[in-house]
């Protein structure tokens, strides 16, 4: 049985609240989701055991710690042979500047989200760690100019609720 089929409405309420504030006590969480503390704790532990909740983290404001530049780096490799791709992926895994790396279909092979203190630091990161790799053909960078929306919260709505539509209104 998949974790998805094992979740009910209470589980989804717990997930929605935890994504907003994972520092809540079990008692506070239980009150917000409409459960008593013991069943709420059991459900929360079960969600972790199933791997639905992977970990709890603190979200840090990057600019307040001096990481003022956020870049999206679209990377194209010379070829898709296993060796060069593994070399690139190994470098990406080791670099703390890289927050995310997505393997893509389409015109680019990878998308990196990179945070650094300055444009000079980004330039050094490119020169020393990406463009120095024989596997990398090109890197096209775009820089954040502002944030319209930023969230780590997934839309945790029970799948059956996603497909429901409102009943048509009767007129007249």
N, C-alpha and C. Protein backbone atom coordinates (compact mmCIF):
# COMPACT_ATOMS: atom_id res chain seq x y z
N UNK A 1 0.85 -1.19 0.00
CA UNK A 1 0.00 0.00 0.00
C UNK A 1 0.89 1.23 0.00
N UNK A 2 0.62 2.18 -0.86
CA UNK A 2 1.43 3.40 -0.91
C UNK A 2 1.02 4.33 0.23
N UNK A 3 1.94 5.22 0.57
CA UNK A 3 1.67 6.19 1.62
C UNK A 3 0.47 7.05 1.26
N UNK A 4 0.32 7.35 -0.01
CA UNK A 4 -0.78 8.20 -0.46
C UNK A 4 -2.13 7.60 -0.12
N UNK A 5 -2.30 6.31 -0.34
CA UNK A 5 -3.60 5.70 -0.09
C UNK A 5 -3.86 5.53 1.40
N UNK A 6 -2.81 5.64 2.22
CA UNK A 6 -2.95 5.45 3.65
C UNK A 6 -3.28 6.76 4.38
N UNK A 7 -3.37 7.87 3.68
CA UNK A 7 -3.60 9.16 4.32
C UNK A 7 -5.08 9.52 4.28
N UNK A 8 -5.55 10.13 5.38
CA UNK A 8 -6.94 10.58 5.41
C UNK A 8 -6.98 12.09 5.65
N UNK A 9 -8.17 12.64 5.81
CA UNK A 9 -8.34 14.08 5.96
C UNK A 9 -7.56 14.64 7.15
N UNK A 10 -7.55 13.93 8.26
CA UNK A 10 -6.80 14.39 9.44
C UNK A 10 -5.31 14.47 9.14
N UNK A 11 -4.79 13.47 8.42
CA UNK A 11 -3.39 13.49 8.05
C UNK A 11 -3.07 14.72 7.19
N UNK A 12 -3.94 15.02 6.24
CA UNK A 12 -3.71 16.18 5.38
C UNK A 12 -3.80 17.48 6.16
N UNK A 13 -4.69 17.56 7.15
CA UNK A 13 -4.75 18.77 7.99
C UNK A 13 -3.45 18.92 8.78
N UNK A 14 -2.95 17.82 9.33
CA UNK A 14 -1.68 17.85 10.07
C UNK A 14 -0.56 18.34 9.17
N UNK A 15 -0.48 17.80 7.96
CA UNK A 15 0.58 18.19 7.03
C UNK A 15 0.50 19.68 6.68
N UNK A 16 -0.70 20.17 6.45
CA UNK A 16 -0.87 21.58 6.10
C UNK A 16 -0.39 22.48 7.24
N UNK A 17 -0.74 22.15 8.47
CA UNK A 17 -0.33 22.97 9.61
C UNK A 17 1.17 22.86 9.85
N UNK A 18 1.72 21.66 9.80
CA UNK A 18 3.16 21.48 10.02
C UNK A 18 3.99 22.23 8.99
N UNK A 19 3.50 22.33 7.75
CA UNK A 19 4.25 23.06 6.73
C UNK A 19 4.29 24.56 7.03
N UNK A 20 3.31 25.04 7.77
CA UNK A 20 3.31 26.46 8.15
C UNK A 20 4.14 26.72 9.40
N UNK A 21 4.13 25.78 10.36
CA UNK A 21 4.89 25.96 11.60
C UNK A 21 5.16 24.60 12.24
N UNK A 22 6.32 24.05 11.94
CA UNK A 22 6.69 22.74 12.47
C UNK A 22 7.19 22.81 13.91
N UNK A 23 7.28 24.03 14.46
CA UNK A 23 7.75 24.16 15.84
C UNK A 23 6.62 24.07 16.86
N UNK A 24 5.39 23.89 16.40
CA UNK A 24 4.25 23.78 17.31
C UNK A 24 4.40 22.58 18.23
N UNK A 25 3.93 22.73 19.45
CA UNK A 25 3.87 21.58 20.34
C UNK A 25 2.79 20.64 19.82
N UNK A 26 2.85 19.39 20.24
CA UNK A 26 1.82 18.44 19.83
C UNK A 26 0.44 18.90 20.29
N UNK A 27 0.36 19.46 21.49
CA UNK A 27 -0.93 19.93 22.03
C UNK A 27 -1.50 21.03 21.13
N UNK A 28 -0.66 22.00 20.74
CA UNK A 28 -1.12 23.09 19.87
C UNK A 28 -1.51 22.56 18.49
N UNK A 29 -0.72 21.65 17.96
CA UNK A 29 -1.03 21.05 16.66
C UNK A 29 -2.37 20.32 16.73
N UNK A 30 -2.56 19.53 17.76
CA UNK A 30 -3.81 18.77 17.92
C UNK A 30 -5.01 19.70 17.95
N UNK A 31 -4.89 20.80 18.67
CA UNK A 31 -6.00 21.75 18.75
C UNK A 31 -6.31 22.35 17.38
N UNK A 32 -5.26 22.70 16.63
CA UNK A 32 -5.46 23.32 15.31
C UNK A 32 -6.09 22.36 14.30
N UNK A 33 -5.81 21.07 14.41
CA UNK A 33 -6.33 20.11 13.43
C UNK A 33 -7.57 19.37 13.93
N UNK A 34 -8.01 19.68 15.13
CA UNK A 34 -9.25 19.09 15.63
C UNK A 34 -9.12 17.67 16.14
N UNK A 35 -7.98 17.32 16.71
CA UNK A 35 -7.76 15.99 17.29
C UNK A 35 -7.35 16.14 18.74
N UNK A 36 -7.47 15.07 19.50
CA UNK A 36 -6.91 15.08 20.84
C UNK A 36 -5.41 14.80 20.72
N UNK A 37 -4.61 15.16 21.72
CA UNK A 37 -3.15 15.06 21.60
C UNK A 37 -2.61 13.67 21.29
N UNK A 38 -3.13 12.61 21.93
CA UNK A 38 -2.56 11.27 21.71
C UNK A 38 -2.72 10.80 20.26
N UNK A 39 -3.91 10.87 19.68
CA UNK A 39 -4.03 10.47 18.27
C UNK A 39 -3.23 11.37 17.32
N UNK A 40 -3.14 12.65 17.65
CA UNK A 40 -2.37 13.58 16.82
C UNK A 40 -0.90 13.17 16.82
N UNK A 41 -0.36 12.83 17.99
CA UNK A 41 1.04 12.41 18.09
C UNK A 41 1.27 11.12 17.31
N UNK A 42 0.36 10.17 17.44
CA UNK A 42 0.49 8.90 16.70
C UNK A 42 0.50 9.15 15.20
N UNK A 43 -0.39 10.01 14.74
CA UNK A 43 -0.47 10.31 13.31
C UNK A 43 0.80 11.02 12.83
N UNK A 44 1.29 11.96 13.62
CA UNK A 44 2.51 12.69 13.25
C UNK A 44 3.70 11.74 13.17
N UNK A 45 3.80 10.84 14.13
CA UNK A 45 4.89 9.85 14.11
C UNK A 45 4.75 8.92 12.91
N UNK A 46 3.52 8.53 12.60
CA UNK A 46 3.27 7.64 11.44
C UNK A 46 3.64 8.34 10.13
N UNK A 47 3.32 9.63 10.03
CA UNK A 47 3.69 10.38 8.82
C UNK A 47 5.20 10.41 8.63
N UNK A 48 5.94 10.50 9.72
CA UNK A 48 7.40 10.45 9.64
C UNK A 48 7.88 9.05 9.28
N UNK A 49 7.29 8.02 9.89
CA UNK A 49 7.69 6.64 9.60
C UNK A 49 7.43 6.28 8.14
N UNK A 50 6.35 6.79 7.57
CA UNK A 50 6.02 6.53 6.16
C UNK A 50 6.91 7.33 5.21
N UNK A 51 7.65 8.29 5.75
CA UNK A 51 8.49 9.13 4.90
C UNK A 51 7.74 10.28 4.27
N UNK A 52 6.48 10.48 4.65
CA UNK A 52 5.71 11.61 4.13
C UNK A 52 6.33 12.91 4.66
N UNK A 53 6.63 12.93 5.96
CA UNK A 53 7.39 14.03 6.54
C UNK A 53 8.84 13.56 6.54
N UNK A 54 9.65 14.20 5.71
CA UNK A 54 11.04 13.76 5.56
C UNK A 54 11.94 14.28 6.66
N UNK A 55 11.75 15.55 7.06
CA UNK A 55 12.56 16.13 8.12
C UNK A 55 11.96 17.47 8.51
N UNK A 56 12.42 17.98 9.64
CA UNK A 56 12.01 19.30 10.12
C UNK A 56 13.22 20.22 10.01
N UNK A 57 12.99 21.44 9.50
CA UNK A 57 14.09 22.38 9.29
C UNK A 57 13.67 23.79 9.72
N UNK A 58 14.67 24.65 9.89
CA UNK A 58 14.43 26.07 10.09
C UNK A 58 14.71 26.77 8.76
N UNK A 59 13.84 27.65 8.35
CA UNK A 59 14.04 28.40 7.12
C UNK A 59 14.74 29.71 7.46
N UNK A 60 15.94 29.91 6.92
CA UNK A 60 16.79 31.05 7.23
C UNK A 60 16.66 32.10 6.13
N UNK A 61 16.57 33.35 6.50
CA UNK A 61 16.54 34.46 5.55
C UNK A 61 17.95 34.63 4.99
N UNK A 62 18.16 34.27 3.73
CA UNK A 62 19.50 34.25 3.15
C UNK A 62 20.15 35.62 3.14
N UNK A 63 19.39 36.67 2.90
CA UNK A 63 19.99 38.01 2.83
C UNK A 63 20.49 38.46 4.20
N UNK A 64 19.84 38.01 5.28
CA UNK A 64 20.27 38.40 6.62
C UNK A 64 21.58 37.72 7.03
N UNK A 65 22.00 36.71 6.25
CA UNK A 65 23.30 36.09 6.52
C UNK A 65 24.29 36.35 5.38
N UNK A 66 23.97 37.37 4.59
CA UNK A 66 24.92 37.83 3.58
C UNK A 66 24.90 37.13 2.24
N UNK A 67 23.90 36.31 1.97
CA UNK A 67 23.79 35.65 0.66
C UNK A 67 22.84 36.48 -0.20
N UNK A 68 23.38 37.54 -0.78
CA UNK A 68 22.58 38.56 -1.44
C UNK A 68 22.23 38.29 -2.89
N UNK A 69 22.89 37.33 -3.52
CA UNK A 69 22.66 37.04 -4.93
C UNK A 69 22.10 35.63 -5.07
N UNK A 70 20.98 35.54 -5.78
CA UNK A 70 20.41 34.23 -6.11
C UNK A 70 20.36 34.12 -7.63
N UNK A 71 20.98 33.06 -8.13
CA UNK A 71 21.05 32.85 -9.57
C UNK A 71 20.39 31.53 -9.94
N UNK A 72 19.79 31.52 -11.10
CA UNK A 72 19.31 30.28 -11.72
C UNK A 72 20.26 30.01 -12.88
N UNK A 73 20.96 28.89 -12.80
CA UNK A 73 21.97 28.55 -13.80
C UNK A 73 21.45 27.38 -14.63
N UNK A 74 21.23 27.64 -15.90
CA UNK A 74 20.78 26.60 -16.84
C UNK A 74 22.03 26.01 -17.48
N UNK A 75 22.28 24.74 -17.24
CA UNK A 75 23.52 24.09 -17.65
C UNK A 75 23.26 23.14 -18.80
N UNK A 76 24.13 23.19 -19.80
CA UNK A 76 24.11 22.25 -20.91
C UNK A 76 25.43 21.49 -20.89
N UNK A 77 25.35 20.16 -20.98
CA UNK A 77 26.55 19.33 -21.00
C UNK A 77 27.01 19.11 -22.44
N UNK A 78 28.28 18.79 -22.59
CA UNK A 78 28.83 18.46 -23.91
C UNK A 78 28.17 17.23 -24.49
N UNK A 79 27.97 16.22 -23.64
CA UNK A 79 27.30 14.99 -24.08
C UNK A 79 26.63 14.38 -22.85
N UNK A 80 25.90 13.33 -23.08
CA UNK A 80 25.13 12.72 -21.99
C UNK A 80 25.71 11.38 -21.55
N UNK A 81 26.99 11.17 -21.81
CA UNK A 81 27.64 9.94 -21.38
C UNK A 81 27.72 9.92 -19.87
N UNK A 82 27.68 8.74 -19.30
CA UNK A 82 27.60 8.58 -17.85
C UNK A 82 28.76 9.24 -17.10
N UNK A 83 29.97 9.07 -17.57
CA UNK A 83 31.14 9.60 -16.86
C UNK A 83 31.10 11.10 -16.66
N UNK A 84 30.99 11.88 -17.75
CA UNK A 84 30.94 13.34 -17.59
C UNK A 84 29.74 13.81 -16.75
N UNK A 85 28.61 13.20 -16.97
CA UNK A 85 27.42 13.58 -16.19
C UNK A 85 27.65 13.31 -14.71
N UNK A 86 28.24 12.18 -14.36
CA UNK A 86 28.53 11.86 -12.96
C UNK A 86 29.52 12.86 -12.36
N UNK A 87 30.53 13.26 -13.15
CA UNK A 87 31.50 14.24 -12.67
C UNK A 87 30.79 15.55 -12.33
N UNK A 88 29.93 16.03 -13.23
CA UNK A 88 29.18 17.25 -13.00
C UNK A 88 28.30 17.11 -11.76
N UNK A 89 27.56 16.01 -11.68
CA UNK A 89 26.67 15.80 -10.55
C UNK A 89 27.43 15.73 -9.23
N UNK A 90 28.62 15.15 -9.25
CA UNK A 90 29.45 15.09 -8.04
C UNK A 90 29.86 16.47 -7.56
N UNK A 91 30.27 17.33 -8.50
CA UNK A 91 30.64 18.70 -8.14
C UNK A 91 29.43 19.42 -7.54
N UNK A 92 28.29 19.29 -8.19
CA UNK A 92 27.08 19.96 -7.72
C UNK A 92 26.71 19.48 -6.31
N UNK A 93 26.82 18.19 -6.05
CA UNK A 93 26.50 17.65 -4.73
C UNK A 93 27.41 18.23 -3.65
N UNK A 94 28.66 18.50 -3.98
CA UNK A 94 29.63 18.98 -2.98
C UNK A 94 29.58 20.49 -2.74
N UNK A 95 29.04 21.25 -3.65
CA UNK A 95 29.09 22.72 -3.53
C UNK A 95 27.95 23.25 -2.67
N UNK A 96 28.31 23.92 -1.59
CA UNK A 96 27.30 24.45 -0.68
C UNK A 96 26.51 25.61 -1.28
N UNK A 97 27.02 26.27 -2.31
CA UNK A 97 26.30 27.36 -2.96
C UNK A 97 25.06 26.87 -3.70
N UNK A 98 25.08 25.60 -4.09
CA UNK A 98 23.97 25.04 -4.87
C UNK A 98 22.89 24.53 -3.93
N UNK A 99 21.74 25.20 -3.95
CA UNK A 99 20.64 24.80 -3.09
C UNK A 99 19.79 23.71 -3.72
N UNK A 100 19.65 23.78 -5.04
CA UNK A 100 18.85 22.79 -5.76
C UNK A 100 19.51 22.52 -7.11
N UNK A 101 19.35 21.30 -7.57
CA UNK A 101 19.78 20.92 -8.91
C UNK A 101 18.71 20.01 -9.48
N UNK A 102 18.11 20.45 -10.55
CA UNK A 102 17.07 19.66 -11.23
C UNK A 102 17.60 19.20 -12.57
N UNK A 103 17.40 17.94 -12.87
CA UNK A 103 17.72 17.40 -14.20
C UNK A 103 16.52 17.68 -15.08
N UNK A 104 16.76 18.22 -16.26
CA UNK A 104 15.67 18.70 -17.10
C UNK A 104 15.57 17.95 -18.43
N UNK A 105 14.39 18.05 -19.02
CA UNK A 105 14.23 17.70 -20.42
C UNK A 105 14.22 19.02 -21.19
N UNK A 106 14.39 18.97 -22.48
CA UNK A 106 14.34 20.19 -23.27
C UNK A 106 15.70 20.74 -23.62
N UNK A 107 15.79 22.06 -23.76
CA UNK A 107 16.99 22.72 -24.26
C UNK A 107 18.17 22.66 -23.29
N UNK A 108 17.92 22.57 -21.99
CA UNK A 108 18.99 22.54 -21.00
C UNK A 108 18.97 21.20 -20.28
N UNK A 109 20.12 20.80 -19.77
CA UNK A 109 20.23 19.52 -19.08
C UNK A 109 19.95 19.62 -17.59
N UNK A 110 20.34 20.74 -16.98
CA UNK A 110 20.19 20.92 -15.54
C UNK A 110 19.81 22.37 -15.24
N UNK A 111 19.13 22.55 -14.12
CA UNK A 111 18.85 23.87 -13.57
C UNK A 111 19.36 23.88 -12.14
N UNK A 112 20.26 24.83 -11.85
CA UNK A 112 20.79 24.99 -10.51
C UNK A 112 20.23 26.26 -9.90
N UNK A 113 19.90 26.19 -8.61
CA UNK A 113 19.58 27.40 -7.85
C UNK A 113 20.77 27.63 -6.94
N UNK A 114 21.43 28.76 -7.15
CA UNK A 114 22.70 29.05 -6.49
C UNK A 114 22.55 30.34 -5.69
N UNK A 115 23.06 30.33 -4.44
CA UNK A 115 23.09 31.55 -3.64
C UNK A 115 24.53 31.85 -3.23
N UNK A 116 24.91 33.12 -3.36
CA UNK A 116 26.26 33.58 -3.05
C UNK A 116 26.19 35.01 -2.50
N UNK A 117 27.27 35.46 -1.87
CA UNK A 117 27.26 36.81 -1.31
C UNK A 117 27.26 37.93 -2.36
N UNK A 118 27.86 37.69 -3.53
CA UNK A 118 28.04 38.78 -4.50
C UNK A 118 28.14 38.24 -5.92
N UNK A 119 28.09 39.15 -6.87
CA UNK A 119 28.28 38.77 -8.27
C UNK A 119 29.69 38.24 -8.48
N UNK A 120 30.66 38.81 -7.80
CA UNK A 120 32.05 38.32 -7.91
C UNK A 120 32.14 36.88 -7.41
N UNK A 121 31.43 36.57 -6.35
CA UNK A 121 31.43 35.20 -5.83
C UNK A 121 30.76 34.25 -6.82
N UNK A 122 29.70 34.72 -7.49
CA UNK A 122 29.05 33.88 -8.50
C UNK A 122 29.98 33.64 -9.69
N UNK A 123 30.64 34.67 -10.12
CA UNK A 123 31.59 34.54 -11.22
C UNK A 123 32.69 33.54 -10.87
N UNK A 124 33.21 33.62 -9.65
CA UNK A 124 34.25 32.68 -9.20
C UNK A 124 33.70 31.26 -9.14
N UNK A 125 32.47 31.11 -8.66
CA UNK A 125 31.83 29.79 -8.62
C UNK A 125 31.75 29.20 -10.02
N UNK A 126 31.29 29.99 -10.98
CA UNK A 126 31.20 29.52 -12.36
C UNK A 126 32.57 29.11 -12.90
N UNK A 127 33.53 30.02 -12.78
CA UNK A 127 34.86 29.78 -13.35
C UNK A 127 35.56 28.58 -12.71
N UNK A 128 35.50 28.49 -11.40
CA UNK A 128 36.27 27.47 -10.68
C UNK A 128 35.58 26.11 -10.60
N UNK A 129 34.25 26.11 -10.62
CA UNK A 129 33.55 24.85 -10.33
C UNK A 129 32.69 24.31 -11.47
N UNK A 130 32.18 25.16 -12.33
CA UNK A 130 31.33 24.65 -13.41
C UNK A 130 32.02 24.71 -14.77
N UNK A 131 32.46 25.89 -15.15
CA UNK A 131 33.03 26.04 -16.49
C UNK A 131 34.39 25.37 -16.63
N UNK A 132 35.01 25.02 -15.51
CA UNK A 132 36.28 24.30 -15.56
C UNK A 132 36.09 22.81 -15.86
N UNK A 133 34.85 22.33 -15.81
CA UNK A 133 34.56 20.92 -16.10
C UNK A 133 34.46 20.71 -17.60
N UNK A 134 35.17 19.73 -18.11
CA UNK A 134 35.09 19.42 -19.53
C UNK A 134 33.68 19.01 -19.94
N UNK A 135 32.91 18.49 -19.00
CA UNK A 135 31.56 18.02 -19.29
C UNK A 135 30.58 19.17 -19.57
N UNK A 136 30.90 20.37 -19.10
CA UNK A 136 29.97 21.50 -19.22
C UNK A 136 30.22 22.27 -20.51
N UNK A 137 29.20 22.31 -21.37
CA UNK A 137 29.28 23.07 -22.62
C UNK A 137 28.99 24.55 -22.35
N UNK A 138 27.90 24.81 -21.62
CA UNK A 138 27.52 26.20 -21.38
C UNK A 138 26.69 26.33 -20.12
N UNK A 139 26.70 27.54 -19.57
CA UNK A 139 25.86 27.90 -18.43
C UNK A 139 25.20 29.23 -18.76
N UNK A 140 23.90 29.24 -18.78
CA UNK A 140 23.13 30.47 -18.98
C UNK A 140 22.52 30.85 -17.64
N UNK A 141 22.83 32.05 -17.16
CA UNK A 141 22.41 32.46 -15.83
C UNK A 141 21.35 33.55 -15.89
N UNK A 142 20.40 33.46 -14.98
CA UNK A 142 19.43 34.52 -14.73
C UNK A 142 19.49 34.82 -13.25
N UNK A 143 19.27 36.10 -12.90
CA UNK A 143 19.41 36.53 -11.52
C UNK A 143 18.08 37.04 -10.97
N UNK A 144 17.86 36.73 -9.72
CA UNK A 144 16.64 37.19 -9.05
C UNK A 144 16.68 38.70 -8.93
N UNK A 145 15.58 39.33 -9.33
CA UNK A 145 15.43 40.77 -9.18
C UNK A 145 14.45 41.10 -8.07
N UNK A 146 13.66 40.13 -7.68
CA UNK A 146 12.66 40.29 -6.62
C UNK A 146 11.87 39.01 -6.51
N UNK A 147 11.17 38.85 -5.41
CA UNK A 147 10.41 37.63 -5.17
C UNK A 147 8.93 37.96 -5.11
N UNK A 148 8.16 37.35 -5.97
CA UNK A 148 6.71 37.52 -5.97
C UNK A 148 6.07 36.51 -5.02
N UNK A 149 6.57 35.28 -5.05
CA UNK A 149 6.03 34.22 -4.19
C UNK A 149 7.17 33.27 -3.86
N UNK A 150 7.23 32.87 -2.61
CA UNK A 150 8.23 31.89 -2.19
C UNK A 150 7.61 31.04 -1.10
N UNK A 151 7.60 29.74 -1.32
CA UNK A 151 7.04 28.85 -0.32
C UNK A 151 7.76 27.51 -0.38
N UNK A 152 7.75 26.83 0.73
CA UNK A 152 8.22 25.45 0.75
C UNK A 152 7.04 24.51 0.94
N UNK A 153 5.86 25.08 1.16
CA UNK A 153 4.67 24.27 1.45
C UNK A 153 4.09 23.67 0.17
N UNK A 154 3.90 22.37 0.19
CA UNK A 154 3.23 21.69 -0.92
C UNK A 154 1.72 21.85 -0.76
N UNK A 155 0.97 21.81 -1.85
CA UNK A 155 -0.49 21.88 -1.74
C UNK A 155 -1.04 20.55 -1.24
N UNK A 156 -1.18 20.42 0.06
CA UNK A 156 -1.58 19.14 0.64
C UNK A 156 -3.11 19.06 0.76
N UNK A 157 -3.71 18.80 -0.36
CA UNK A 157 -5.15 18.59 -0.43
C UNK A 157 -5.35 17.14 -0.84
N UNK A 158 -6.24 16.45 -0.15
CA UNK A 158 -6.50 15.06 -0.49
C UNK A 158 -6.82 14.95 -1.98
N UNK A 159 -6.21 14.01 -2.70
CA UNK A 159 -6.40 13.91 -4.15
C UNK A 159 -7.86 13.91 -4.59
N UNK A 160 -8.73 13.25 -3.85
CA UNK A 160 -10.14 13.23 -4.24
C UNK A 160 -10.74 14.63 -4.18
N UNK A 161 -10.23 15.48 -3.28
CA UNK A 161 -10.73 16.85 -3.17
C UNK A 161 -10.25 17.71 -4.34
N UNK A 162 -9.10 17.37 -4.93
CA UNK A 162 -8.57 18.13 -6.06
C UNK A 162 -9.45 17.99 -7.29
N UNK A 163 -10.09 16.85 -7.44
CA UNK A 163 -10.87 16.60 -8.64
C UNK A 163 -12.32 16.97 -8.49
N UNK A 164 -12.75 17.26 -7.28
CA UNK A 164 -14.15 17.66 -7.07
C UNK A 164 -14.39 19.02 -7.67
N UNK A 165 -15.57 19.18 -8.24
CA UNK A 165 -15.97 20.48 -8.74
C UNK A 165 -17.27 20.86 -8.05
N UNK A 166 -17.50 22.13 -7.97
CA UNK A 166 -18.71 22.60 -7.33
C UNK A 166 -19.92 22.25 -8.19
N UNK A 167 -21.01 21.95 -7.52
CA UNK A 167 -22.25 21.65 -8.24
C UNK A 167 -22.74 22.91 -8.92
N UNK A 168 -23.28 22.78 -10.13
CA UNK A 168 -23.79 23.97 -10.83
C UNK A 168 -24.93 24.60 -10.04
N UNK A 169 -24.99 25.93 -10.07
CA UNK A 169 -26.06 26.63 -9.38
C UNK A 169 -27.30 26.63 -10.25
N UNK A 170 -28.43 26.50 -9.56
CA UNK A 170 -29.70 26.58 -10.29
C UNK A 170 -30.10 28.03 -10.40
N UNK A 171 -30.48 28.40 -11.55
CA UNK A 171 -30.93 29.79 -11.77
C UNK A 171 -32.43 29.76 -11.96
N UNK A 172 -33.09 30.72 -11.31
CA UNK A 172 -34.49 30.94 -11.54
C UNK A 172 -35.38 30.09 -10.81
